[in-house]
């Protein structure tokens, strides 16, 4: 990237990314969502990419729903949005995903929605791939770490054998997208 362009982008990124971790975030991990922020997992600020994005919506009844945007295939620009009801309990965000929620997901190729009939075989395959976590409560605790947070997982109350992930809160309009990682774009 050109030095003059990178200075402007760095300023824009600084305004779009919140890497501080206030104490209230430990007690209420969804506090930034109330002001329109989204979670970017494994962020690359170099190309504004994430391996997943969690967008939390609060219903009129006070209940939270996480629209999880994940890669349906780590090598293709194929994403799926899955809506999962979540709760905050003991400082962790917890939810149980069902097979029906995965099958109701919205599949996108290059940010264009794939028609439901064409999407179904991919969603069935994704549900089969995720079978070990479907129906089990997944709780994510966000622990302060350098430059943001670290997501640590427990499945049905037991620490999960999943690698922790770096997470940052970004504005929804900051231009971050879920996309496959290019070898030179990792990190950030």
Foldseek 3Di string as FASTA:
>chain_A
DDPVVVVVLVVLVVVFWDQDDDPVCQVVVCVVLVVQWKKAWQAQSVQLEGQKIWRWDADPVRWIKTFIWHALDLVFQKIKTFIWTWDQDNSKIKTAAALVRLLPIFIDHPNHTDPSVVCNVSSNVSCVVCVVRHPWMKIWHWDRDPRHTWTWIDTNNHGDPDHIIGMIIGHPPSPHYYHRDDPVRGDD
